[in-house]
PDB file of N, CA and C in Angstrom:
ATOM      1  N   MET A   1     116.867 132.848 185.977  1.00  0.00           N
ATOM      2  CA  MET A   1     117.384 131.518 186.076  1.00  0.00           C
ATOM      3  C   MET A   1     118.650 131.457 185.126  1.00  0.00           C
ATOM      4  N   PRO A   2     119.771 130.934 185.622  1.00  0.00           N
ATOM      5  CA  PRO A   2     120.941 130.830 184.762  1.00  0.00           C
ATOM      6  C   PRO A   2     120.706 129.873 183.621  1.00  0.00           C
ATOM      7  N   THR A   3     121.241 130.185 182.443  1.00  0.00           N
ATOM      8  CA  THR A   3     121.182 129.333 181.326  1.00  0.00           C
ATOM      9  C   THR A   3     122.197 128.257 181.416  1.00  0.00           C
ATOM     10  N   GLU A   4     122.104 127.170 180.601  1.00  0.00           N
ATOM     11  CA  GLU A   4     123.111 126.122 180.651  1.00  0.00           C
ATOM     12  C   GLU A   4     124.492 126.613 180.321  1.00  0.00           C
ATOM     13  N   GLU A   5     124.566 127.599 179.337  1.00  0.00           N
ATOM     14  CA  GLU A   5     125.821 128.169 178.972  1.00  0.00           C
ATOM     15  C   GLU A   5     126.491 128.953 180.169  1.00  0.00           C
ATOM     16  N   HIS A   6     125.591 129.649 180.894  1.00  0.00           N
ATOM     17  CA  HIS A   6     126.095 130.393 182.084  1.00  0.00           C
ATOM     18  C   HIS A   6     126.577 129.412 183.161  1.00  0.00           C
ATOM     19  N   LYS A   7     125.823 128.329 183.370  1.00  0.00           N
ATOM     20  CA  LYS A   7     126.203 127.355 184.385  1.00  0.00           C
ATOM     21  C   LYS A   7     127.548 126.737 184.071  1.00  0.00           C
ATOM     22  N   ALA A   8     127.761 126.405 182.723  1.00  0.00           N
ATOM     23  CA  ALA A   8     129.040 125.836 182.328  1.00  0.00           C
ATOM     24  C   ALA A   8     130.151 126.795 182.496  1.00  0.00           C
ATOM     25  N   HIS A   9     129.931 128.089 182.304  1.00  0.00           N
ATOM     26  CA  HIS A   9     130.908 129.158 182.505  1.00  0.00           C
ATOM     27  C   HIS A   9     131.372 129.210 184.015  1.00  0.00           C
ATOM     28  N   LEU A  10     130.436 128.869 184.862  1.00  0.00           N
ATOM     29  CA  LEU A  10     130.840 128.952 186.342  1.00  0.00           C
ATOM     30  C   LEU A  10     131.975 128.016 186.709  1.00  0.00           C
ATOM     31  N   TYR A  11     132.150 126.950 185.894  1.00  0.00           N
ATOM     32  CA  TYR A  11     133.192 125.954 186.242  1.00  0.00           C
ATOM     33  C   TYR A  11     134.503 126.189 185.560  1.00  0.00           C
ATOM     34  N   GLU A  12     134.590 127.262 184.690  1.00  0.00           N
ATOM     35  CA  GLU A  12     135.819 127.581 183.963  1.00  0.00           C
ATOM     36  C   GLU A  12     136.502 128.727 184.590  1.00  0.00           C
ATOM     37  N   PRO A  13     137.798 128.672 184.731  1.00  0.00           N
ATOM     38  CA  PRO A  13     138.506 129.801 185.230  1.00  0.00           C
ATOM     39  C   PRO A  13     138.515 131.050 184.338  1.00  0.00           C
ATOM     40  N   GLU A  14     138.419 132.198 184.980  1.00  0.00           N
ATOM     41  CA  GLU A  14     138.366 133.426 184.158  1.00  0.00           C
ATOM     42  C   GLU A  14     139.816 133.935 183.962  1.00  0.00           C
ATOM     43  N   GLU A  15     140.072 134.677 182.852  1.00  0.00           N
ATOM     44  CA  GLU A  15     141.364 135.111 182.550  1.00  0.00           C
ATOM     45  C   GLU A  15     142.002 135.956 183.637  1.00  0.00           C
ATOM     46  N   ARG A  16     141.192 136.793 184.274  1.00  0.00           N
ATOM     47  CA  ARG A  16     141.631 137.717 185.364  1.00  0.00           C
ATOM     48  C   ARG A  16     142.191 136.921 186.588  1.00  0.00           C
ATOM     49  N   GLU A  17     141.786 135.672 186.722  1.00  0.00           N
ATOM     50  CA  GLU A  17     142.143 134.864 187.887  1.00  0.00           C
ATOM     51  C   GLU A  17     143.697 134.600 187.817  1.00  0.00           C
ATOM     52  N   GLN A  18     144.260 134.614 186.705  1.00  0.00           N
ATOM     53  CA  GLN A  18     145.764 134.318 186.542  1.00  0.00           C
ATOM     54  C   GLN A  18     146.529 135.354 187.295  1.00  0.00           C
ATOM     55  N   LYS A  19     145.953 136.516 187.585  1.00  0.00           N
ATOM     56  CA  LYS A  19     146.701 137.601 188.347  1.00  0.00           C
ATOM     57  C   LYS A  19     146.630 137.366 189.864  1.00  0.00           C
ATOM     58  N   LEU A  20     145.820 136.430 190.262  1.00  0.00           N
ATOM     59  CA  LEU A  20     145.636 136.144 191.684  1.00  0.00           C
ATOM     60  C   LEU A  20     146.869 135.360 192.207  1.00  0.00           C
ATOM     61  N   PRO A  21     147.120 135.397 193.521  1.00  0.00           N
ATOM     62  CA  PRO A  21     148.167 134.483 194.021  1.00  0.00           C
ATOM     63  C   PRO A  21     147.764 133.010 193.812  1.00  0.00           C
ATOM     64  N   GLN A  22     148.741 132.164 193.774  1.00  0.00           N
ATOM     65  CA  GLN A  22     148.497 130.732 193.468  1.00  0.00           C
ATOM     66  C   GLN A  22     147.561 130.100 194.510  1.00  0.00           C
ATOM     67  N   TRP A  23     147.713 130.470 195.764  1.00  0.00           N
ATOM     68  CA  TRP A  23     146.818 129.883 196.790  1.00  0.00           C
ATOM     69  C   TRP A  23     145.331 130.207 196.470  1.00  0.00           C
ATOM     70  N   ALA A  24     145.054 131.434 195.983  1.00  0.00           N
ATOM     71  CA  ALA A  24     143.735 131.807 195.679  1.00  0.00           C
ATOM     72  C   ALA A  24     143.221 131.123 194.446  1.00  0.00           C
ATOM     73  N   GLN A  25     144.094 130.857 193.462  1.00  0.00           N
ATOM     74  CA  GLN A  25     143.682 130.081 192.298  1.00  0.00           C
ATOM     75  C   GLN A  25     143.309 128.720 192.667  1.00  0.00           C
ATOM     76  N   TYR A  26     144.130 128.062 193.640  1.00  0.00           N
ATOM     77  CA  TYR A  26     143.805 126.681 194.058  1.00  0.00           C
ATOM     78  C   TYR A  26     142.477 126.659 194.789  1.00  0.00           C
ATOM     79  N   LEU A  27     142.211 127.740 195.595  1.00  0.00           N
ATOM     80  CA  LEU A  27     140.978 127.779 196.370  1.00  0.00           C
ATOM     81  C   LEU A  27     139.787 127.864 195.407  1.00  0.00           C
ATOM     82  N   LEU A  28     139.895 128.713 194.382  1.00  0.00           N
ATOM     83  CA  LEU A  28     138.849 128.833 193.391  1.00  0.00           C
ATOM     84  C   LEU A  28     138.616 127.494 192.683  1.00  0.00           C
ATOM     85  N   LEU A  29     139.745 126.760 192.350  1.00  0.00           N
ATOM     86  CA  LEU A  29     139.604 125.442 191.715  1.00  0.00           C
ATOM     87  C   LEU A  29     138.940 124.476 192.608  1.00  0.00           C
ATOM     88  N   ASP A  30     139.240 124.432 193.913  1.00  0.00           N
ATOM     89  CA  ASP A  30     138.556 123.538 194.835  1.00  0.00           C
ATOM     90  C   ASP A  30     137.066 123.938 194.958  1.00  0.00           C
ATOM     91  N   MET A  31     136.776 125.178 194.949  1.00  0.00           N
ATOM     92  CA  MET A  31     135.385 125.616 195.097  1.00  0.00           C
ATOM     93  C   MET A  31     134.606 125.208 193.841  1.00  0.00           C
ATOM     94  N   ARG A  32     135.264 125.259 192.677  1.00  0.00           N
ATOM     95  CA  ARG A  32     134.563 124.820 191.470  1.00  0.00           C
ATOM     96  C   ARG A  32     134.278 123.334 191.486  1.00  0.00           C
ATOM     97  N   ARG A  33     135.271 122.547 191.984  1.00  0.00           N
ATOM     98  CA  ARG A  33     135.141 121.068 192.097  1.00  0.00           C
ATOM     99  C   ARG A  33     133.932 120.770 192.977  1.00  0.00           C
ATOM    100  N   GLU A  34     133.895 121.464 194.095  1.00  0.00           N
ATOM    101  CA  GLU A  34     132.793 121.282 195.061  1.00  0.00           C
ATOM    102  C   GLU A  34     131.460 121.665 194.474  1.00  0.00           C
ATOM    103  N   MET A  35     131.458 122.770 193.771  1.00  0.00           N
ATOM    104  CA  MET A  35     130.232 123.196 193.074  1.00  0.00           C
ATOM    105  C   MET A  35     129.688 122.188 192.053  1.00  0.00           C
ATOM    106  N   ARG A  36     130.651 121.639 191.316  1.00  0.00           N
ATOM    107  CA  ARG A  36     130.308 120.591 190.366  1.00  0.00           C
ATOM    108  C   ARG A  36     129.711 119.419 191.021  1.00  0.00           C
ATOM    109  N   ALA A  37     130.267 118.954 192.181  1.00  0.00           N
ATOM    110  CA  ALA A  37     129.784 117.831 192.958  1.00  0.00           C
ATOM    111  C   ALA A  37     128.408 118.104 193.495  1.00  0.00           C
ATOM    112  N   LEU A  38     128.212 119.286 194.029  1.00  0.00           N
ATOM    113  CA  LEU A  38     126.907 119.699 194.566  1.00  0.00           C
ATOM    114  C   LEU A  38     125.851 119.745 193.452  1.00  0.00           C
ATOM    115  N   ARG A  39     126.206 120.263 192.362  1.00  0.00           N
ATOM    116  CA  ARG A  39     125.287 120.407 191.189  1.00  0.00           C
ATOM    117  C   ARG A  39     124.864 118.993 190.758  1.00  0.00           C
ATOM    118  N   SER A  40     125.868 118.042 190.718  1.00  0.00           N
ATOM    119  CA  SER A  40     125.582 116.704 190.355  1.00  0.00           C
ATOM    120  C   SER A  40     124.596 116.015 191.347  1.00  0.00           C
ATOM    121  N   THR A  41     124.867 116.269 192.644  1.00  0.00           N
ATOM    122  CA  THR A  41     123.942 115.684 193.653  1.00  0.00           C
ATOM    123  C   THR A  41     122.524 116.265 193.552  1.00  0.00           C
ATOM    124  N   LEU A  42     122.496 117.634 193.320  1.00  0.00           N
ATOM    125  CA  LEU A  42     121.160 118.271 193.182  1.00  0.00           C
ATOM    126  C   LEU A  42     120.459 117.756 191.961  1.00  0.00           C
ATOM    127  N   ASP A  43     121.130 117.607 190.848  1.00  0.00           N
ATOM    128  CA  ASP A  43     120.503 117.145 189.640  1.00  0.00           C
ATOM    129  C   ASP A  43     119.985 115.681 189.765  1.00  0.00           C
ATOM    130  N   ALA A  44     120.769 114.874 190.517  1.00  0.00           N
ATOM    131  CA  ALA A  44     120.347 113.521 190.740  1.00  0.00           C
ATOM    132  C   ALA A  44     119.101 113.479 191.660  1.00  0.00           C
ATOM    133  N   THR A  45     119.052 114.381 192.578  1.00  0.00           N
ATOM    134  CA  THR A  45     117.892 114.392 193.498  1.00  0.00           C
ATOM    135  C   THR A  45     116.654 114.897 192.894  1.00  0.00           C
ATOM    136  N   LYS A  46     116.778 115.985 192.092  1.00  0.00           N
ATOM    137  CA  LYS A  46     115.590 116.534 191.529  1.00  0.00           C
ATOM    138  C   LYS A  46     115.483 116.201 190.074  1.00  0.00           C
ATOM    139  N   GLY A  47     116.240 115.237 189.620  1.00  0.00           N
ATOM    140  CA  GLY A  47     116.297 114.900 188.155  1.00  0.00           C
ATOM    141  C   GLY A  47     115.017 114.236 187.687  1.00  0.00           C
ATOM    142  N   ASP A  48     115.111 113.854 186.461  1.00  0.00           N
ATOM    143  CA  ASP A  48     113.992 113.235 185.809  1.00  0.00           C
ATOM    144  C   ASP A  48     113.933 111.777 186.202  1.00  0.00           C
ATOM    145  N   HIS A  49     112.974 111.373 187.040  1.00  0.00           N
ATOM    146  CA  HIS A  49     112.811 109.985 187.443  1.00  0.00           C
ATOM    147  C   HIS A  49     111.432 109.580 186.999  1.00  0.00           C
ATOM    148  N   PRO A  50     111.231 109.210 185.761  1.00  0.00           N
ATOM    149  CA  PRO A  50     109.894 108.920 185.305  1.00  0.00           C
ATOM    150  C   PRO A  50     109.216 107.706 185.977  1.00  0.00           C
ATOM    151  N   ASP A  51     110.040 106.801 186.483  1.00  0.00           N
ATOM    152  CA  ASP A  51     109.503 105.570 187.148  1.00  0.00           C
ATOM    153  C   ASP A  51     109.304 105.835 188.605  1.00  0.00           C
ATOM    154  N   SER A  52     109.482 107.067 189.147  1.00  0.00           N
ATOM    155  CA  SER A  52     109.453 107.380 190.559  1.00  0.00           C
ATOM    156  C   SER A  52     108.035 107.132 191.137  1.00  0.00           C
ATOM    157  N   ASN A  53     108.042 106.612 192.353  1.00  0.00           N
ATOM    158  CA  ASN A  53     106.844 106.501 193.050  1.00  0.00           C
ATOM    159  C   ASN A  53     106.848 107.351 194.328  1.00  0.00           C
ATOM    160  N   VAL A  54     107.804 108.301 194.437  1.00  0.00           N
ATOM    161  CA  VAL A  54     107.994 109.217 195.533  1.00  0.00           C
ATOM    162  C   VAL A  54     108.126 110.577 195.068  1.00  0.00           C
ATOM    163  N   LYS A  55     107.314 111.518 195.514  1.00  0.00           N
ATOM    164  CA  LYS A  55     107.316 112.940 194.980  1.00  0.00           C
ATOM    165  C   LYS A  55     107.244 113.875 196.192  1.00  0.00           C
ATOM    166  N   LEU A  56     108.074 114.908 196.123  1.00  0.00           N
ATOM    167  CA  LEU A  56     108.028 115.982 197.079  1.00  0.00           C
ATOM    168  C   LEU A  56     107.054 117.040 196.559  1.00  0.00           C
ATOM    169  N   TRP A  57     106.122 117.384 197.374  1.00  0.00           N
ATOM    170  CA  TRP A  57     105.126 118.446 196.967  1.00  0.00           C
ATOM    171  C   TRP A  57     105.448 119.739 197.758  1.00  0.00           C
ATOM    172  N   GLY A  58     105.264 120.831 196.956  1.00  0.00           N
ATOM    173  CA  GLY A  58     105.408 122.118 197.608  1.00  0.00           C
ATOM    174  C   GLY A  58     106.889 122.446 198.017  1.00  0.00           C
ATOM    175  N   THR A  59     107.812 122.041 197.185  1.00  0.00           N
ATOM    176  CA  THR A  59     109.207 122.254 197.516  1.00  0.00           C
ATOM    177  C   THR A  59     109.559 123.719 197.318  1.00  0.00           C
ATOM    178  N   THR A  60     110.738 124.121 197.800  1.00  0.00           N
ATOM    179  CA  THR A  60     111.170 125.525 197.725  1.00  0.00           C
ATOM    180  C   THR A  60     111.445 125.915 196.293  1.00  0.00           C
ATOM    181  N   VAL A  61     111.638 124.952 195.386  1.00  0.00           N
ATOM    182  CA  VAL A  61     111.894 125.348 193.983  1.00  0.00           C
ATOM    183  C   VAL A  61     110.612 125.655 193.251  1.00  0.00           C
ATOM    184  N   GLY A  62     109.464 125.528 193.931  1.00  0.00           N
ATOM    185  CA  GLY A  62     108.229 125.925 193.300  1.00  0.00           C
ATOM    186  C   GLY A  62     107.606 124.858 192.398  1.00  0.00           C
ATOM    187  N   GLU A  63     108.138 123.684 192.457  1.00  0.00           N
ATOM    188  CA  GLU A  63     107.581 122.630 191.647  1.00  0.00           C
ATOM    189  C   GLU A  63     107.563 121.293 192.373  1.00  0.00           C
ATOM    190  N   HIS A  64     106.926 120.294 191.792  1.00  0.00           N
ATOM    191  CA  HIS A  64     106.969 119.005 192.429  1.00  0.00           C
ATOM    192  C   HIS A  64     108.195 118.302 191.964  1.00  0.00           C
ATOM    193  N   VAL A  65     108.839 117.578 192.860  1.00  0.00           N
ATOM    194  CA  VAL A  65     110.135 116.933 192.487  1.00  0.00           C
ATOM    195  C   VAL A  65     109.983 115.446 192.700  1.00  0.00           C
ATOM    196  N   ASP A  66     110.301 114.669 191.665  1.00  0.00           N
ATOM    197  CA  ASP A  66     110.370 113.189 191.795  1.00  0.00           C
ATOM    198  C   ASP A  66     111.683 112.804 192.432  1.00  0.00           C
ATOM    199  N   LEU A  67     111.572 111.964 193.482  1.00  0.00           N
ATOM    200  CA  LEU A  67     112.763 111.367 194.024  1.00  0.00           C
ATOM    201  C   LEU A  67     112.962 110.025 193.368  1.00  0.00           C
ATOM    202  N   ARG A  68     114.084 109.412 193.665  1.00  0.00           N
ATOM    203  CA  ARG A  68     114.406 108.050 193.094  1.00  0.00           C
ATOM    204  C   ARG A  68     113.256 107.129 193.538  1.00  0.00           C
ATOM    205  N   LYS A  69     113.032 106.140 192.753  1.00  0.00           N
ATOM    206  CA  LYS A  69     112.009 105.131 193.045  1.00  0.00           C
ATOM    207  C   LYS A  69     112.370 104.461 194.395  1.00  0.00           C
ATOM    208  N   ASN A  70     111.331 104.249 195.153  1.00  0.00           N
ATOM    209  CA  ASN A  70     111.389 103.561 196.472  1.00  0.00           C
ATOM    210  C   ASN A  70     112.263 104.361 197.510  1.00  0.00           C
ATOM    211  N   SER A  71     112.369 105.692 197.371  1.00  0.00           N
ATOM    212  CA  SER A  71     113.099 106.544 198.333  1.00  0.00           C
ATOM    213  C   SER A  71     112.470 106.400 199.730  1.00  0.00           C
ATOM    214  N   HIS A  72     113.271 106.452 200.721  1.00  0.00           N
ATOM    215  CA  HIS A  72     112.799 106.483 202.120  1.00  0.00           C
ATOM    216  C   HIS A  72     112.781 107.883 202.533  1.00  0.00           C
ATOM    217  N   ILE A  73     111.627 108.282 203.205  1.00  0.00           N
ATOM    218  CA  ILE A  73     111.477 109.646 203.685  1.00  0.00           C
ATOM    219  C   ILE A  73     111.480 109.569 205.189  1.00  0.00           C
ATOM    220  N   SER A  74     112.205 110.520 205.842  1.00  0.00           N
ATOM    221  CA  SER A  74     112.223 110.532 207.303  1.00  0.00           C
ATOM    222  C   SER A  74     111.723 111.868 207.780  1.00  0.00           C
ATOM    223  N   PHE A  75     110.826 111.820 208.752  1.00  0.00           N
ATOM    224  CA  PHE A  75     110.245 112.992 209.331  1.00  0.00           C
ATOM    225  C   PHE A  75     110.706 113.157 210.757  1.00  0.00           C
ATOM    226  N   LYS A  76     111.302 114.247 211.081  1.00  0.00           N
ATOM    227  CA  LYS A  76     111.704 114.482 212.479  1.00  0.00           C
ATOM    228  C   LYS A  76     110.550 115.120 213.236  1.00  0.00           C
ATOM    229  N   MET A  77     110.184 114.434 214.341  1.00  0.00           N
ATOM    230  CA  MET A  77     109.036 114.885 215.202  1.00  0.00           C
ATOM    231  C   MET A  77     109.625 115.166 216.556  1.00  0.00           C
ATOM    232  N   GLU A  78     108.852 115.750 217.442  1.00  0.00           N
ATOM    233  CA  GLU A  78     109.302 116.101 218.759  1.00  0.00           C
ATOM    234  C   GLU A  78     109.802 114.911 219.572  1.00  0.00           C
ATOM    235  N   ALA A  79     109.161 113.770 219.415  1.00  0.00           N
ATOM    236  CA  ALA A  79     109.514 112.555 220.201  1.00  0.00           C
ATOM    237  C   ALA A  79     110.462 111.674 219.539  1.00  0.00           C
ATOM    238  N   GLY A  80     110.811 111.946 218.216  1.00  0.00           N
ATOM    239  CA  GLY A  80     111.737 111.044 217.504  1.00  0.00           C
ATOM    240  C   GLY A  80     111.561 111.131 216.047  1.00  0.00           C
ATOM    241  N   ASN A  81     111.897 110.172 215.255  1.00  0.00           N
ATOM    242  CA  ASN A  81     111.749 110.149 213.846  1.00  0.00           C
ATOM    243  C   ASN A  81     110.759 109.059 213.346  1.00  0.00           C
ATOM    244  N   VAL A  82     110.102 109.407 212.218  1.00  0.00           N
ATOM    245  CA  VAL A  82     109.225 108.488 211.618  1.00  0.00           C
ATOM    246  C   VAL A  82     109.702 108.334 210.173  1.00  0.00           C
ATOM    247  N   GLN A  83     109.851 107.066 209.662  1.00  0.00           N
ATOM    248  CA  GLN A  83     110.274 106.794 208.367  1.00  0.00           C
ATOM    249  C   GLN A  83     109.098 106.244 207.537  1.00  0.00           C
ATOM    250  N   VAL A  84     108.962 106.655 206.287  1.00  0.00           N
ATOM    251  CA  VAL A  84     107.909 106.192 205.392  1.00  0.00           C
ATOM    252  C   VAL A  84     108.613 105.682 204.096  1.00  0.00           C
ATOM    253  N   TYR A  85     108.126 104.551 203.657  1.00  0.00           N
ATOM    254  CA  TYR A  85     108.661 104.023 202.396  1.00  0.00           C
ATOM    255  C   TYR A  85     107.742 102.989 201.847  1.00  0.00           C
ATOM    256  N   HIS A  86     107.888 102.635 200.557  1.00  0.00           N
ATOM    257  CA  HIS A  86     107.099 101.653 199.884  1.00  0.00           C
ATOM    258  C   HIS A  86     107.587 100.203 200.257  1.00  0.00           C
ATOM    259  N   GLU A  87     106.699  99.360 200.440  1.00  0.00           N
ATOM    260  CA  GLU A  87     107.021  97.914 200.658  1.00  0.00           C
ATOM    261  C   GLU A  87     106.798  97.198 199.301  1.00  0.00           C
ATOM    262  N   ARG A  88     107.366  96.009 199.189  1.00  0.00           N
ATOM    263  CA  ARG A  88     107.256  95.289 197.865  1.00  0.00           C
ATOM    264  C   ARG A  88     105.788  94.883 197.590  1.00  0.00           C
ATOM    265  N   ASN A  89     104.974  94.759 198.626  1.00  0.00           N
ATOM    266  CA  ASN A  89     103.591  94.326 198.406  1.00  0.00           C
ATOM    267  C   ASN A  89     102.657  95.468 198.035  1.00  0.00           C
ATOM    268  N   GLY A  90     103.212  96.696 197.782  1.00  0.00           N
ATOM    269  CA  GLY A  90     102.449  97.824 197.342  1.00  0.00           C
ATOM    270  C   GLY A  90     101.919  98.726 198.441  1.00  0.00           C
ATOM    271  N   ARG A  91     102.187  98.329 199.695  1.00  0.00           N
ATOM    272  CA  ARG A  91     101.758  99.137 200.827  1.00  0.00           C
ATOM    273  C   ARG A  91     102.833 100.153 201.231  1.00  0.00           C
ATOM    274  N   LEU A  92     102.389 101.138 201.996  1.00  0.00           N
ATOM    275  CA  LEU A  92     103.366 102.071 202.553  1.00  0.00           C
ATOM    276  C   LEU A  92     103.761 101.558 203.955  1.00  0.00           C
ATOM    277  N   ARG A  93     104.991 101.676 204.232  1.00  0.00           N
ATOM    278  CA  ARG A  93     105.500 101.182 205.559  1.00  0.00           C
ATOM    279  C   ARG A  93     105.760 102.481 206.344  1.00  0.00           C
ATOM    280  N   VAL A  94     105.192 102.633 207.537  1.00  0.00           N
ATOM    281  CA  VAL A  94     105.425 103.745 208.446  1.00  0.00           C
ATOM    282  C   VAL A  94     106.013 103.205 209.696  1.00  0.00           C
ATOM    283  N   GLN A  95     107.231 103.640 210.008  1.00  0.00           N
ATOM    284  CA  GLN A  95     107.986 103.098 211.101  1.00  0.00           C
ATOM    285  C   GLN A  95     108.518 104.175 211.932  1.00  0.00           C
ATOM    286  N   GLY A  96     108.312 104.128 213.263  1.00  0.00           N
ATOM    287  CA  GLY A  96     108.775 105.144 214.176  1.00  0.00           C
ATOM    288  C   GLY A  96     109.869 104.723 215.127  1.00  0.00           C
ATOM    289  N   ASP A  97     110.536 105.655 215.720  1.00  0.00           N
ATOM    290  CA  ASP A  97     111.478 105.320 216.730  1.00  0.00           C
ATOM    291  C   ASP A  97     110.839 104.745 217.999  1.00  0.00           C
ATOM    292  N   TYR A  98     109.539 105.136 218.175  1.00  0.00           N
ATOM    293  CA  TYR A  98     108.717 104.614 219.330  1.00  0.00           C
ATOM    294  C   TYR A  98     107.396 104.185 218.761  1.00  0.00           C
ATOM    295  N   ARG A  99     106.534 103.842 219.657  1.00  0.00           N
ATOM    296  CA  ARG A  99     105.218 103.305 219.250  1.00  0.00           C
ATOM    297  C   ARG A  99     104.478 104.366 218.476  1.00  0.00           C
ATOM    298  N   LEU A 100     103.809 103.980 217.405  1.00  0.00           N
ATOM    299  CA  LEU A 100     102.961 104.845 216.602  1.00  0.00           C
ATOM    300  C   LEU A 100     101.456 104.790 217.070  1.00  0.00           C
ATOM    301  N   VAL A 101     100.828 105.922 217.137  1.00  0.00           N
ATOM    302  CA  VAL A 101      99.391 105.930 217.362  1.00  0.00           C
ATOM    303  C   VAL A 101      98.718 106.468 216.091  1.00  0.00           C
ATOM    304  N   VAL A 102      97.836 105.633 215.544  1.00  0.00           N
ATOM    305  CA  VAL A 102      97.148 106.016 214.256  1.00  0.00           C
ATOM    306  C   VAL A 102      95.749 106.489 214.556  1.00  0.00           C
ATOM    307  N   TYR A 103      95.358 107.638 214.004  1.00  0.00           N
ATOM    308  CA  TYR A 103      94.084 108.221 214.132  1.00  0.00           C
ATOM    309  C   TYR A 103      93.403 108.282 212.788  1.00  0.00           C
ATOM    310  N   PRO A 104      92.399 107.453 212.519  1.00  0.00           N
ATOM    311  CA  PRO A 104      91.645 107.590 211.293  1.00  0.00           C
ATOM    312  C   PRO A 104      90.929 108.943 211.260  1.00  0.00           C
ATOM    313  N   GLU A 105      91.067 109.616 210.136  1.00  0.00           N
ATOM    314  CA  GLU A 105      90.451 110.952 209.977  1.00  0.00           C
ATOM    315  C   GLU A 105      89.186 110.828 209.062  1.00  0.00           C
ATOM    316  N   ALA A 106      89.341 110.047 207.995  1.00  0.00           N
ATOM    317  CA  ALA A 106      88.242 109.872 207.074  1.00  0.00           C
ATOM    318  C   ALA A 106      88.595 108.537 206.365  1.00  0.00           C
ATOM    319  N   SER A 107      87.787 108.151 205.351  1.00  0.00           N
ATOM    320  CA  SER A 107      88.033 106.894 204.688  1.00  0.00           C
ATOM    321  C   SER A 107      89.277 106.992 203.865  1.00  0.00           C
ATOM    322  N   ASN A 108      89.794 108.165 203.534  1.00  0.00           N
ATOM    323  CA  ASN A 108      90.999 108.294 202.723  1.00  0.00           C
ATOM    324  C   ASN A 108      92.154 109.116 203.472  1.00  0.00           C
ATOM    325  N   ALA A 109      92.007 109.289 204.786  1.00  0.00           N
ATOM    326  CA  ALA A 109      93.052 110.103 205.462  1.00  0.00           C
ATOM    327  C   ALA A 109      93.281 109.529 206.903  1.00  0.00           C
ATOM    328  N   LEU A 110      94.493 109.701 207.394  1.00  0.00           N
ATOM    329  CA  LEU A 110      94.781 109.342 208.774  1.00  0.00           C
ATOM    330  C   LEU A 110      95.895 110.249 209.297  1.00  0.00           C
ATOM    331  N   SER A 111      96.038 110.369 210.619  1.00  0.00           N
ATOM    332  CA  SER A 111      97.086 111.043 211.249  1.00  0.00           C
ATOM    333  C   SER A 111      97.871 110.016 212.072  1.00  0.00           C
ATOM    334  N   VAL A 112      99.177 110.379 212.185  1.00  0.00           N
ATOM    335  CA  VAL A 112     100.075 109.448 212.944  1.00  0.00           C
ATOM    336  C   VAL A 112     100.815 110.278 214.018  1.00  0.00           C
ATOM    337  N   GLU A 113     100.846 109.771 215.213  1.00  0.00           N
ATOM    338  CA  GLU A 113     101.569 110.421 216.277  1.00  0.00           C
ATOM    339  C   GLU A 113     102.620 109.402 216.776  1.00  0.00           C
ATOM    340  N   LEU A 114     103.785 109.908 217.150  1.00  0.00           N
ATOM    341  CA  LEU A 114     104.827 109.116 217.677  1.00  0.00           C
ATOM    342  C   LEU A 114     104.769 109.237 219.139  1.00  0.00           C
ATOM    343  N   GLU A 115     104.460 108.103 219.845  1.00  0.00           N
ATOM    344  CA  GLU A 115     104.283 108.130 221.271  1.00  0.00           C
ATOM    345  C   GLU A 115     105.588 107.800 221.969  1.00  0.00           C
ATOM    346  N   GLY A 116     106.523 108.742 222.007  1.00  0.00           N
ATOM    347  CA  GLY A 116     107.796 108.518 222.648  1.00  0.00           C
ATOM    348  C   GLY A 116     107.753 108.924 224.128  1.00  0.00           C
ATOM    349  N   ASP A 117     108.898 109.158 224.651  1.00  0.00           N
ATOM    350  CA  ASP A 117     108.972 109.630 225.997  1.00  0.00           C
ATOM    351  C   ASP A 117     108.611 111.140 226.044  1.00  0.00           C
ATOM    352  N   HIS A 118     107.356 111.436 226.386  1.00  0.00           N
ATOM    353  CA  HIS A 118     106.906 112.780 226.362  1.00  0.00           C
ATOM    354  C   HIS A 118     107.322 113.571 227.640  1.00  0.00           C
ATOM    355  N   ASP A 119     107.933 112.865 228.556  1.00  0.00           N
ATOM    356  CA  ASP A 119     108.399 113.628 229.807  1.00  0.00           C
ATOM    357  C   ASP A 119     109.398 114.717 229.525  1.00  0.00           C
ATOM    358  N   HIS A 120     110.201 114.475 228.488  1.00  0.00           N
ATOM    359  CA  HIS A 120     111.217 115.444 228.202  1.00  0.00           C
ATOM    360  C   HIS A 120     110.599 116.739 227.719  1.00  0.00           C
ATOM    361  N   LEU A 121     109.397 116.735 227.234  1.00  0.00           N
ATOM    362  CA  LEU A 121     108.730 117.998 226.785  1.00  0.00           C
ATOM    363  C   LEU A 121     108.255 118.840 227.933  1.00  0.00           C
ATOM    364  N   ASN A 122     108.055 118.274 229.038  1.00  0.00           N
ATOM    365  CA  ASN A 122     107.607 119.000 230.200  1.00  0.00           C
ATOM    366  C   ASN A 122     108.689 119.451 231.131  1.00  0.00           C
ATOM    367  N   ARG A 123     109.933 119.199 230.795  1.00  0.00           N
ATOM    368  CA  ARG A 123     111.028 119.545 231.656  1.00  0.00           C
ATOM    369  C   ARG A 123     111.433 121.026 231.417  1.00  0.00           C
TER     370      ARG A 123
END
């Protein structure tokens, strides 16, 4: 894992870059700007959100990540999309592009199916 000092060094030009053509120096400068913006976005996404009520479990970074409070999550399914988010009344809102079919699994679990136009799956 890169240290903070190493990360900061990534944004600074190296002495040997002065020998490169000017177009290459500008390209490296643009890439550093883009890298800073991407790092900022990544840090905001996986940053410390102690008041968060939305958490990603089993992410590729190997840890659980808090998203911003009241984040909306969208799931892409075969028949369309399903969005999940917190409502002000403390409930979860599950909304689909088409009609949702809810299957109770147990007293603390359920499954949701999006009942879209399934004809396209058989073509």
